[in-house]
Amino acid sequence: MAAINRRFARRSLLFMPGDSMKKIEKAAGWAVDTVIMDLEDAVAQNRKLEARATVTQALTTLDFGARERLVRVNHVSTGLAPAEIEASVIGRPDGYIIPKAEDAADLRAMDRLLAQVEKQHGLPLQGIRLFVMIETALGVMNLREICRATPRLEGLIFVAEDLAGDIGCVRTPAATEVFYARSAVVTAAAAYQLHSFDMVFVDFNDPAGLEVESRFARQLGYTGKTCIHPNQTPIVNRAFSPSPEEVDRAQRLVDAFAAQQAAGAGAFTFEGKMVDMPMVRAAEKVLARSGARS
């Protein structure tokens, strides 16, 4: 199990179709933490080869600045993933996304493939990170095995639309029909020290709805959210960033705890409430998300 990589903020993750250099180029300069170049669902079957070449070109020629660069490949079972990775790895993406992950075998197959690529290209072993999309009932049931499958794994992405189709539920704005799976994914991620990314908000003409859903996802414990339109990313970034008031309170609590420890004191009160270690850890997480130092 790998420790969470703090190099990237990963509040907003924006999907871009892999066959559109114009859209990827726009994303490379947008207010987004992670750009996902998609070779799977966003690309028609007769454009897979073109998308592979476009993503490779984008990785090798575009300046993404501090943005993370991920590639969503097709599932290993399609037979397309090896060629997609072999082509794109020369651009040194920060990681790959496995769609429709359902069991540990999916990750182990990708792990073996990446190990071969790293060896062939003289890359650091275990250096290429993996992310998985949980979008079927079987994937939800096998979360424990998936999370333990490879130390490459760095994050879980919850996909509500595909899950709804798989289990036969009706999607609603409240999303109560997928609440169990949504909670299971974020809980599994926390248990295995992984990032967790909430489902996309499909109505990109409803910024208010997106903000409500993003704030609720953060309350659940998600560390970020996937986006399907550039205009969604500023809203998501704001929702998953601690407010100045939250940062100030967290810093004061951490400072008070340090002072009490230095004085040899145990339990203490802060702003009228008894402080315990879970409260301190929560404050430290707020500071970590904000980039502050405790």
C-alpha atoms as a PDB file:
ATOM      1  CA  MET A   1       0.000   0.000   0.000  1.00  0.00           C
ATOM      2  CA  ALA A   2       1.492   3.311  -1.104  1.00  0.00           C
ATOM      3  CA  ALA A   3       1.331   6.513   0.901  1.00  0.00           C
ATOM      4  CA  ILE A   4      -0.826   9.258  -0.578  1.00  0.00           C
ATOM      5  CA  ASN A   5       1.133  11.386  -3.025  1.00  0.00           C
ATOM      6  CA  ARG A   6       0.928  15.019  -1.873  1.00  0.00           C
ATOM      7  CA  ARG A   7       2.592  16.336  -5.018  1.00  0.00           C
ATOM      8  CA  PHE A   8      -0.755  17.054  -6.658  1.00  0.00           C
ATOM      9  CA  ALA A   9      -3.768  18.754  -5.106  1.00  0.00           C
ATOM     10  CA  ARG A  10      -6.231  16.545  -7.014  1.00  0.00           C
ATOM     11  CA  ARG A  11      -9.354  18.507  -6.213  1.00  0.00           C
ATOM     12  CA  SER A  12     -10.614  18.615  -9.801  1.00  0.00           C
ATOM     13  CA  LEU A  13     -10.035  15.919 -12.421  1.00  0.00           C
ATOM     14  CA  LEU A  14     -11.140  16.860 -15.932  1.00  0.00           C
ATOM     15  CA  PHE A  15     -11.883  14.273 -18.616  1.00  0.00           C
ATOM     16  CA  MET A  16     -10.825  15.251 -22.125  1.00  0.00           C
ATOM     17  CA  PRO A  17     -11.452  13.092 -25.233  1.00  0.00           C
ATOM     18  CA  GLY A  18      -8.147  11.606 -26.352  1.00  0.00           C
ATOM     19  CA  ASP A  19      -8.814  12.267 -30.015  1.00  0.00           C
ATOM     20  CA  SER A  20      -9.103  16.052 -29.626  1.00  0.00           C
ATOM     21  CA  MET A  21      -5.790  17.897 -29.409  1.00  0.00           C
ATOM     22  CA  LYS A  22      -7.692  21.177 -29.280  1.00  0.00           C
ATOM     23  CA  LYS A  23      -9.560  20.192 -26.113  1.00  0.00           C
ATOM     24  CA  ILE A  24      -6.508  18.688 -24.434  1.00  0.00           C
ATOM     25  CA  GLU A  25      -4.532  21.839 -25.211  1.00  0.00           C
ATOM     26  CA  LYS A  26      -7.274  23.930 -23.603  1.00  0.00           C
ATOM     27  CA  ALA A  27      -7.256  21.720 -20.505  1.00  0.00           C
ATOM     28  CA  ALA A  28      -3.462  22.056 -20.225  1.00  0.00           C
ATOM     29  CA  GLY A  29      -3.907  25.740 -19.447  1.00  0.00           C
ATOM     30  CA  TRP A  30      -7.126  25.545 -17.460  1.00  0.00           C
ATOM     31  CA  ALA A  31      -7.836  25.900 -13.733  1.00  0.00           C
ATOM     32  CA  VAL A  32      -7.739  22.176 -13.083  1.00  0.00           C
ATOM     33  CA  ASP A  33      -5.524  19.963 -10.944  1.00  0.00           C
ATOM     34  CA  THR A  34      -5.566  16.810 -13.073  1.00  0.00           C
ATOM     35  CA  VAL A  35      -6.136  16.337 -16.792  1.00  0.00           C
ATOM     36  CA  ILE A  36      -7.439  12.914 -17.811  1.00  0.00           C
ATOM     37  CA  MET A  37      -6.831  12.122 -21.457  1.00  0.00           C
ATOM     38  CA  ASP A  38      -9.455   9.526 -22.286  1.00  0.00           C
ATOM     39  CA  LEU A  39      -8.895   6.627 -24.667  1.00  0.00           C
ATOM     40  CA  GLU A  40     -11.966   4.722 -23.530  1.00  0.00           C
ATOM     41  CA  ASP A  41     -15.619   5.837 -23.538  1.00  0.00           C
ATOM     42  CA  ALA A  42     -14.991   9.324 -24.938  1.00  0.00           C
ATOM     43  CA  VAL A  43     -13.497   7.879 -28.128  1.00  0.00           C
ATOM     44  CA  ALA A  44     -15.403   6.040 -30.856  1.00  0.00           C
ATOM     45  CA  GLN A  45     -14.144   2.591 -31.811  1.00  0.00           C
ATOM     46  CA  ASN A  46     -13.027   3.775 -35.243  1.00  0.00           C
ATOM     47  CA  ARG A  47     -10.923   6.556 -33.701  1.00  0.00           C
ATOM     48  CA  LYS A  48      -8.987   4.581 -31.090  1.00  0.00           C
ATOM     49  CA  LEU A  49      -5.732   4.605 -33.085  1.00  0.00           C
ATOM     50  CA  GLU A  50      -6.027   8.327 -33.784  1.00  0.00           C
ATOM     51  CA  ALA A  51      -6.704   9.025 -30.103  1.00  0.00           C
ATOM     52  CA  ARG A  52      -3.658   7.005 -29.070  1.00  0.00           C
ATOM     53  CA  ALA A  53      -1.457   9.092 -31.350  1.00  0.00           C
ATOM     54  CA  THR A  54      -3.058  12.352 -30.201  1.00  0.00           C
ATOM     55  CA  VAL A  55      -2.548  11.598 -26.509  1.00  0.00           C
ATOM     56  CA  THR A  56       1.074  10.645 -27.129  1.00  0.00           C
ATOM     57  CA  GLN A  57       1.608  13.888 -29.038  1.00  0.00           C
ATOM     58  CA  ALA A  58      -0.047  15.906 -26.269  1.00  0.00           C
ATOM     59  CA  LEU A  59       2.135  14.320 -23.598  1.00  0.00           C
ATOM     60  CA  THR A  60       5.327  14.954 -25.527  1.00  0.00           C
ATOM     61  CA  THR A  61       4.619  18.470 -26.823  1.00  0.00           C
ATOM     62  CA  LEU A  62       2.235  20.346 -24.518  1.00  0.00           C
ATOM     63  CA  ASP A  63       3.197  22.214 -21.369  1.00  0.00           C
ATOM     64  CA  PHE A  64       0.772  21.150 -18.639  1.00  0.00           C
ATOM     65  CA  GLY A  65       2.502  23.229 -15.985  1.00  0.00           C
ATOM     66  CA  ALA A  66       1.868  21.831 -12.518  1.00  0.00           C
ATOM     67  CA  ARG A  67      -1.163  19.846 -13.648  1.00  0.00           C
ATOM     68  CA  GLU A  68      -1.182  16.098 -13.249  1.00  0.00           C
ATOM     69  CA  ARG A  69      -1.443  14.128 -16.511  1.00  0.00           C
ATOM     70  CA  LEU A  70      -3.363  10.865 -16.465  1.00  0.00           C
ATOM     71  CA  VAL A  71      -4.408   8.563 -19.285  1.00  0.00           C
ATOM     72  CA  ARG A  72      -7.533   6.437 -19.109  1.00  0.00           C
ATOM     73  CA  VAL A  73      -6.831   3.315 -21.123  1.00  0.00           C
ATOM     74  CA  ASN A  74      -9.294   0.699 -22.262  1.00  0.00           C
ATOM     75  CA  HIS A  75      -9.868  -2.273 -19.995  1.00  0.00           C
ATOM     76  CA  VAL A  76      -7.209  -4.975 -20.174  1.00  0.00           C
ATOM     77  CA  SER A  77      -9.813  -7.432 -21.462  1.00  0.00           C
ATOM     78  CA  THR A  78     -10.191  -5.419 -24.697  1.00  0.00           C
ATOM     79  CA  GLY A  79      -6.593  -6.101 -25.698  1.00  0.00           C
ATOM     80  CA  LEU A  80      -6.034  -2.394 -26.410  1.00  0.00           C
ATOM     81  CA  ALA A  81      -4.275  -1.386 -23.195  1.00  0.00           C
ATOM     82  CA  PRO A  82      -0.769  -2.746 -23.985  1.00  0.00           C
ATOM     83  CA  ALA A  83      -0.465  -0.736 -27.194  1.00  0.00           C
ATOM     84  CA  GLU A  84      -1.975   2.355 -25.552  1.00  0.00           C
ATOM     85  CA  ILE A  85       0.555   2.252 -22.745  1.00  0.00           C
ATOM     86  CA  GLU A  86       3.492   1.425 -25.000  1.00  0.00           C
ATOM     87  CA  ALA A  87       2.663   4.423 -27.195  1.00  0.00           C
ATOM     88  CA  SER A  88       1.920   6.957 -24.458  1.00  0.00           C
ATOM     89  CA  VAL A  89       4.611   6.050 -21.911  1.00  0.00           C
ATOM     90  CA  ILE A  90       7.236   7.950 -23.909  1.00  0.00           C
ATOM     91  CA  GLY A  91       5.389  11.097 -22.801  1.00  0.00           C
ATOM     92  CA  ARG A  92       5.903  10.125 -19.147  1.00  0.00           C
ATOM     93  CA  PRO A  93       2.305  10.487 -17.924  1.00  0.00           C
ATOM     94  CA  ASP A  94       1.888  10.662 -14.165  1.00  0.00           C
ATOM     95  CA  GLY A  95      -0.332   7.607 -14.171  1.00  0.00           C
ATOM     96  CA  TYR A  96      -2.984   5.481 -15.839  1.00  0.00           C
ATOM     97  CA  ILE A  97      -6.644   4.911 -15.043  1.00  0.00           C
ATOM     98  CA  ILE A  98      -8.224   1.461 -15.207  1.00  0.00           C
ATOM     99  CA  PRO A  99     -11.923   1.629 -16.093  1.00  0.00           C
ATOM    100  CA  LYS A 100     -14.514  -0.798 -14.757  1.00  0.00           C
ATOM    101  CA  ALA A 101     -12.227  -2.365 -12.161  1.00  0.00           C
ATOM    102  CA  GLU A 102     -14.022  -5.349 -10.674  1.00  0.00           C
ATOM    103  CA  ASP A 103     -11.423  -7.435  -8.893  1.00  0.00           C
ATOM    104  CA  ALA A 104      -7.752  -7.649  -7.974  1.00  0.00           C
ATOM    105  CA  ALA A 105      -6.983  -9.508 -11.203  1.00  0.00           C
ATOM    106  CA  ASP A 106      -7.678  -6.350 -13.216  1.00  0.00           C
ATOM    107  CA  LEU A 107      -5.006  -4.450 -11.291  1.00  0.00           C
ATOM    108  CA  ARG A 108      -2.480  -7.263 -11.220  1.00  0.00           C
ATOM    109  CA  ALA A 109      -2.692  -7.611 -14.982  1.00  0.00           C
ATOM    110  CA  MET A 110      -2.038  -3.890 -15.372  1.00  0.00           C
ATOM    111  CA  ASP A 111       0.737  -4.041 -12.778  1.00  0.00           C
ATOM    112  CA  ARG A 112       2.539  -6.740 -14.779  1.00  0.00           C
ATOM    113  CA  LEU A 113       2.108  -4.757 -17.970  1.00  0.00           C
ATOM    114  CA  LEU A 114       3.509  -1.583 -16.411  1.00  0.00           C
ATOM    115  CA  ALA A 115       6.439  -3.487 -14.913  1.00  0.00           C
ATOM    116  CA  GLN A 116       7.390  -4.701 -18.388  1.00  0.00           C
ATOM    117  CA  VAL A 117       7.119  -1.189 -19.804  1.00  0.00           C
ATOM    118  CA  GLU A 118       9.211   0.293 -17.002  1.00  0.00           C
ATOM    119  CA  LYS A 119      11.926  -2.302 -17.567  1.00  0.00           C
ATOM    120  CA  GLN A 120      11.935  -1.826 -21.336  1.00  0.00           C
ATOM    121  CA  HIS A 121      12.161   1.950 -21.103  1.00  0.00           C
ATOM    122  CA  GLY A 122      14.535   2.154 -18.160  1.00  0.00           C
ATOM    123  CA  LEU A 123      11.942   3.801 -15.912  1.00  0.00           C
ATOM    124  CA  PRO A 124      11.931   3.580 -12.107  1.00  0.00           C
ATOM    125  CA  LEU A 125      10.261   0.349 -11.025  1.00  0.00           C
ATOM    126  CA  GLN A 126       6.809   0.873  -9.506  1.00  0.00           C
ATOM    127  CA  GLY A 127       7.051   4.519 -10.551  1.00  0.00           C
ATOM    128  CA  ILE A 128       3.919   4.595 -12.735  1.00  0.00           C
ATOM    129  CA  ARG A 129       0.838   5.178 -10.598  1.00  0.00           C
ATOM    130  CA  LEU A 130      -2.583   3.596 -11.047  1.00  0.00           C
ATOM    131  CA  PHE A 131      -6.113   4.797 -10.420  1.00  0.00           C
ATOM    132  CA  VAL A 132      -9.244   2.684 -10.765  1.00  0.00           C
ATOM    133  CA  MET A 133     -12.830   3.464 -11.615  1.00  0.00           C
ATOM    134  CA  ILE A 134     -15.454   1.723  -9.500  1.00  0.00           C
ATOM    135  CA  GLU A 135     -18.507   1.574 -11.719  1.00  0.00           C
ATOM    136  CA  THR A 136     -20.124  -1.849 -11.266  1.00  0.00           C
ATOM    137  CA  ALA A 137     -21.779  -3.726  -8.428  1.00  0.00           C
ATOM    138  CA  LEU A 138     -18.983  -6.309  -8.465  1.00  0.00           C
ATOM    139  CA  GLY A 139     -16.388  -3.556  -8.170  1.00  0.00           C
ATOM    140  CA  VAL A 140     -18.129  -2.231  -5.061  1.00  0.00           C
ATOM    141  CA  MET A 141     -18.318  -5.707  -3.525  1.00  0.00           C
ATOM    142  CA  ASN A 142     -14.598  -6.288  -4.170  1.00  0.00           C
ATOM    143  CA  LEU A 143     -13.264  -2.952  -2.910  1.00  0.00           C
ATOM    144  CA  ARG A 144     -11.066  -4.544  -0.246  1.00  0.00           C
ATOM    145  CA  GLU A 145      -9.318  -6.821  -2.740  1.00  0.00           C
ATOM    146  CA  ILE A 146      -8.952  -4.016  -5.279  1.00  0.00           C
ATOM    147  CA  CYS A 147      -7.378  -1.660  -2.734  1.00  0.00           C
ATOM    148  CA  ARG A 148      -4.829  -4.299  -1.708  1.00  0.00           C
ATOM    149  CA  ALA A 149      -3.940  -5.507  -5.214  1.00  0.00           C
ATOM    150  CA  THR A 150      -0.867  -3.369  -5.971  1.00  0.00           C
ATOM    151  CA  PRO A 151       1.254  -0.676  -4.306  1.00  0.00           C
ATOM    152  CA  ARG A 152       0.880   1.344  -7.507  1.00  0.00           C
ATOM    153  CA  LEU A 153      -2.721   2.158  -6.624  1.00  0.00           C
ATOM    154  CA  GLU A 154      -3.186   5.770  -5.589  1.00  0.00           C
ATOM    155  CA  GLY A 155      -6.879   6.548  -5.944  1.00  0.00           C
ATOM    156  CA  LEU A 156     -10.444   5.317  -6.413  1.00  0.00           C
ATOM    157  CA  ILE A 157     -12.892   7.038  -8.747  1.00  0.00           C
ATOM    158  CA  PHE A 158     -16.607   6.526  -8.113  1.00  0.00           C
ATOM    159  CA  VAL A 159     -18.750   6.336 -11.262  1.00  0.00           C
ATOM    160  CA  ALA A 160     -22.458   6.638 -10.535  1.00  0.00           C
ATOM    161  CA  GLU A 161     -23.950   6.544 -14.027  1.00  0.00           C
ATOM    162  CA  ASP A 162     -22.472   3.191 -15.030  1.00  0.00           C
ATOM    163  CA  LEU A 163     -23.203   1.731 -11.615  1.00  0.00           C
ATOM    164  CA  ALA A 164     -26.837   2.784 -11.898  1.00  0.00           C
ATOM    165  CA  GLY A 165     -27.081   0.995 -15.217  1.00  0.00           C
ATOM    166  CA  ASP A 166     -25.425  -2.085 -13.783  1.00  0.00           C
ATOM    167  CA  ILE A 167     -27.723  -2.440 -10.782  1.00  0.00           C
ATOM    168  CA  GLY A 168     -30.838  -1.155 -12.554  1.00  0.00           C
ATOM    169  CA  CYS A 169     -31.615   1.790 -10.300  1.00  0.00           C
ATOM    170  CA  VAL A 170     -33.054   5.123 -11.410  1.00  0.00           C
ATOM    171  CA  ARG A 171     -30.738   8.115 -11.132  1.00  0.00           C
ATOM    172  CA  THR A 172     -32.101  11.108  -9.252  1.00  0.00           C
ATOM    173  CA  PRO A 173     -30.607  14.519  -8.396  1.00  0.00           C
ATOM    174  CA  ALA A 174     -30.438  13.516  -4.729  1.00  0.00           C
ATOM    175  CA  ALA A 175     -28.368  10.424  -5.640  1.00  0.00           C
ATOM    176  CA  THR A 176     -29.793   8.436  -2.724  1.00  0.00           C
ATOM    177  CA  GLU A 177     -29.955   5.372  -4.985  1.00  0.00           C
ATOM    178  CA  VAL A 178     -26.126   5.230  -5.153  1.00  0.00           C
ATOM    179  CA  PHE A 179     -25.407   6.443  -1.622  1.00  0.00           C
ATOM    180  CA  TYR A 180     -24.339   3.029  -0.334  1.00  0.00           C
ATOM    181  CA  ALA A 181     -21.752   2.546  -3.082  1.00  0.00           C
ATOM    182  CA  ARG A 182     -20.624   6.164  -2.875  1.00  0.00           C
ATOM    183  CA  SER A 183     -19.983   5.769   0.841  1.00  0.00           C
ATOM    184  CA  ALA A 184     -18.310   2.384   0.374  1.00  0.00           C
ATOM    185  CA  VAL A 185     -15.791   3.820  -2.095  1.00  0.00           C
ATOM    186  CA  VAL A 186     -14.749   6.760   0.086  1.00  0.00           C
ATOM    187  CA  THR A 187     -14.543   4.527   3.153  1.00  0.00           C
ATOM    188  CA  ALA A 188     -12.351   1.976   1.375  1.00  0.00           C
ATOM    189  CA  ALA A 189     -10.080   4.740   0.123  1.00  0.00           C
ATOM    190  CA  ALA A 190      -9.646   6.112   3.631  1.00  0.00           C
ATOM    191  CA  ALA A 191      -8.978   2.640   5.042  1.00  0.00           C
ATOM    192  CA  TYR A 192      -6.122   2.061   2.589  1.00  0.00           C
ATOM    193  CA  GLN A 193      -4.764   5.619   2.492  1.00  0.00           C
ATOM    194  CA  LEU A 194      -5.877   6.311  -1.057  1.00  0.00           C
ATOM    195  CA  HIS A 195      -7.317   9.400  -2.707  1.00  0.00           C
ATOM    196  CA  SER A 196     -11.044   9.256  -3.483  1.00  0.00           C
ATOM    197  CA  PHE A 197     -12.768  11.064  -6.334  1.00  0.00           C
ATOM    198  CA  ASP A 198     -16.496  11.636  -6.498  1.00  0.00           C
ATOM    199  CA  MET A 199     -18.790  11.042  -9.469  1.00  0.00           C
ATOM    200  CA  VAL A 200     -19.224  13.492 -12.327  1.00  0.00           C
ATOM    201  CA  PHE A 201     -22.080  15.988 -12.236  1.00  0.00           C
ATOM    202  CA  VAL A 202     -23.662  15.475 -15.646  1.00  0.00           C
ATOM    203  CA  ASP A 203     -25.578  18.767 -15.963  1.00  0.00           C
ATOM    204  CA  PHE A 204     -22.805  21.243 -16.764  1.00  0.00           C
ATOM    205  CA  ASN A 205     -25.420  24.012 -17.094  1.00  0.00           C
ATOM    206  CA  ASP A 206     -26.266  23.822 -13.381  1.00  0.00           C
ATOM    207  CA  PRO A 207     -23.369  25.380 -11.442  1.00  0.00           C
ATOM    208  CA  ALA A 208     -25.426  25.725  -8.265  1.00  0.00           C
ATOM    209  CA  GLY A 209     -26.275  22.025  -8.301  1.00  0.00           C
ATOM    210  CA  LEU A 210     -22.636  21.166  -8.882  1.00  0.00           C
ATOM    211  CA  GLU A 211     -21.557  23.223  -5.898  1.00  0.00           C
ATOM    212  CA  VAL A 212     -24.093  21.555  -3.607  1.00  0.00           C
ATOM    213  CA  GLU A 213     -23.063  18.073  -4.756  1.00  0.00           C
ATOM    214  CA  SER A 214     -19.348  18.900  -4.467  1.00  0.00           C
ATOM    215  CA  ARG A 215     -19.682  20.211  -0.921  1.00  0.00           C
ATOM    216  CA  PHE A 216     -21.646  17.118   0.083  1.00  0.00           C
ATOM    217  CA  ALA A 217     -18.955  14.893  -1.447  1.00  0.00           C
ATOM    218  CA  ARG A 218     -16.334  16.700   0.598  1.00  0.00           C
ATOM    219  CA  GLN A 219     -18.457  16.195   3.724  1.00  0.00           C
ATOM    220  CA  LEU A 220     -18.502  12.473   2.932  1.00  0.00           C
ATOM    221  CA  GLY A 221     -14.701  12.509   2.871  1.00  0.00           C
ATOM    222  CA  TYR A 222     -13.920  12.606  -0.844  1.00  0.00           C
ATOM    223  CA  THR A 223     -10.670  14.361  -1.692  1.00  0.00           C
ATOM    224  CA  GLY A 224     -11.734  15.520  -5.156  1.00  0.00           C
ATOM    225  CA  LYS A 225     -14.298  15.253  -7.926  1.00  0.00           C
ATOM    226  CA  THR A 226     -14.287  14.285 -11.592  1.00  0.00           C
ATOM    227  CA  CYS A 227     -15.503  16.826 -14.142  1.00  0.00           C
ATOM    228  CA  ILE A 228     -16.743  16.602 -17.723  1.00  0.00           C
ATOM    229  CA  HIS A 229     -16.621  20.310 -18.644  1.00  0.00           C
ATOM    230  CA  PRO A 230     -13.922  22.942 -18.023  1.00  0.00           C
ATOM    231  CA  ASN A 231     -16.434  25.339 -16.487  1.00  0.00           C
ATOM    232  CA  GLN A 232     -17.006  22.853 -13.657  1.00  0.00           C
ATOM    233  CA  THR A 233     -13.434  22.862 -12.370  1.00  0.00           C
ATOM    234  CA  PRO A 234     -13.329  26.286 -10.648  1.00  0.00           C
ATOM    235  CA  ILE A 235     -16.462  25.362  -8.676  1.00  0.00           C
ATOM    236  CA  VAL A 236     -15.018  21.980  -7.689  1.00  0.00           C
ATOM    237  CA  ASN A 237     -11.666  23.524  -6.737  1.00  0.00           C
ATOM    238  CA  ARG A 238     -13.414  25.976  -4.454  1.00  0.00           C
ATOM    239  CA  ALA A 239     -15.614  23.304  -2.845  1.00  0.00           C
ATOM    240  CA  PHE A 240     -12.649  21.044  -2.052  1.00  0.00           C
ATOM    241  CA  SER A 241     -10.417  23.839  -0.770  1.00  0.00           C
ATOM    242  CA  PRO A 242     -10.634  24.765   2.926  1.00  0.00           C
ATOM    243  CA  SER A 243     -11.902  28.288   3.513  1.00  0.00           C
ATOM    244  CA  PRO A 244      -9.597  30.831   5.199  1.00  0.00           C
ATOM    245  CA  GLU A 245     -11.724  30.491   8.330  1.00  0.00           C
ATOM    246  CA  GLU A 246     -11.300  26.711   8.337  1.00  0.00           C
ATOM    247  CA  VAL A 247      -7.549  26.998   7.863  1.00  0.00           C
ATOM    248  CA  ASP A 248      -7.244  29.583  10.630  1.00  0.00           C
ATOM    249  CA  ARG A 249      -9.212  27.480  13.102  1.00  0.00           C
ATOM    250  CA  ALA A 250      -7.276  24.331  12.191  1.00  0.00           C
ATOM    251  CA  GLN A 251      -3.942  26.082  12.674  1.00  0.00           C
ATOM    252  CA  ARG A 252      -4.982  27.475  16.041  1.00  0.00           C
ATOM    253  CA  LEU A 253      -6.153  24.048  17.185  1.00  0.00           C
ATOM    254  CA  VAL A 254      -2.917  22.360  16.085  1.00  0.00           C
ATOM    255  CA  ASP A 255      -0.857  25.101  17.744  1.00  0.00           C
ATOM    256  CA  ALA A 256      -2.874  24.748  20.971  1.00  0.00           C
ATOM    257  CA  PHE A 257      -2.362  20.983  20.922  1.00  0.00           C
ATOM    258  CA  ALA A 258       1.404  21.398  20.449  1.00  0.00           C
ATOM    259  CA  ALA A 259       1.543  23.855  23.340  1.00  0.00           C
ATOM    260  CA  GLN A 260      -0.367  21.493  25.607  1.00  0.00           C
ATOM    261  CA  GLN A 261       1.930  18.614  24.686  1.00  0.00           C
ATOM    262  CA  ALA A 262       5.015  20.717  25.362  1.00  0.00           C
ATOM    263  CA  ALA A 263       3.616  21.596  28.788  1.00  0.00           C
ATOM    264  CA  GLY A 264       2.998  17.941  29.563  1.00  0.00           C
ATOM    265  CA  ALA A 265      -0.765  18.397  29.622  1.00  0.00           C
ATOM    266  CA  GLY A 266      -3.181  15.772  28.330  1.00  0.00           C
ATOM    267  CA  ALA A 267      -6.758  16.564  27.430  1.00  0.00           C
ATOM    268  CA  PHE A 268      -7.686  20.214  26.991  1.00  0.00           C
ATOM    269  CA  THR A 269     -10.533  22.363  25.723  1.00  0.00           C
ATOM    270  CA  PHE A 270     -10.523  24.507  22.607  1.00  0.00           C
ATOM    271  CA  GLU A 271     -13.277  27.018  21.937  1.00  0.00           C
ATOM    272  CA  GLY A 272     -15.445  25.366  24.540  1.00  0.00           C
ATOM    273  CA  LYS A 273     -15.001  21.796  23.310  1.00  0.00           C
ATOM    274  CA  MET A 274     -12.885  18.960  24.634  1.00  0.00           C
ATOM    275  CA  VAL A 275     -10.130  18.109  22.156  1.00  0.00           C
ATOM    276  CA  ASP A 276      -9.220  14.524  21.288  1.00  0.00           C
ATOM    277  CA  MET A 277      -6.824  13.077  18.694  1.00  0.00           C
ATOM    278  CA  PRO A 278      -9.425  12.631  15.927  1.00  0.00           C
ATOM    279  CA  MET A 279     -10.076  16.394  16.101  1.00  0.00           C
ATOM    280  CA  VAL A 280      -6.342  17.099  15.858  1.00  0.00           C
ATOM    281  CA  ARG A 281      -5.939  14.749  12.902  1.00  0.00           C
ATOM    282  CA  ALA A 282      -8.892  16.379  11.161  1.00  0.00           C
ATOM    283  CA  ALA A 283      -7.278  19.795  11.655  1.00  0.00           C
ATOM    284  CA  GLU A 284      -3.997  18.482  10.265  1.00  0.00           C
ATOM    285  CA  LYS A 285      -5.822  17.234   7.165  1.00  0.00           C
ATOM    286  CA  VAL A 286      -7.339  20.684   6.656  1.00  0.00           C
ATOM    287  CA  LEU A 287      -3.855  22.213   6.783  1.00  0.00           C
ATOM    288  CA  ALA A 288      -2.521  19.589   4.400  1.00  0.00           C
ATOM    289  CA  ARG A 289      -5.275  20.340   1.871  1.00  0.00           C
ATOM    290  CA  SER A 290      -4.570  24.051   2.132  1.00  0.00           C
ATOM    291  CA  GLY A 291      -0.810  23.615   1.735  1.00  0.00           C
ATOM    292  CA  ALA A 292      -0.223  25.051   5.204  1.00  0.00           C
ATOM    293  CA  ARG A 293       2.331  23.618   7.592  1.00  0.00           C
ATOM    294  CA  SER A 294       1.411  22.508  11.080  1.00  0.00           C
END
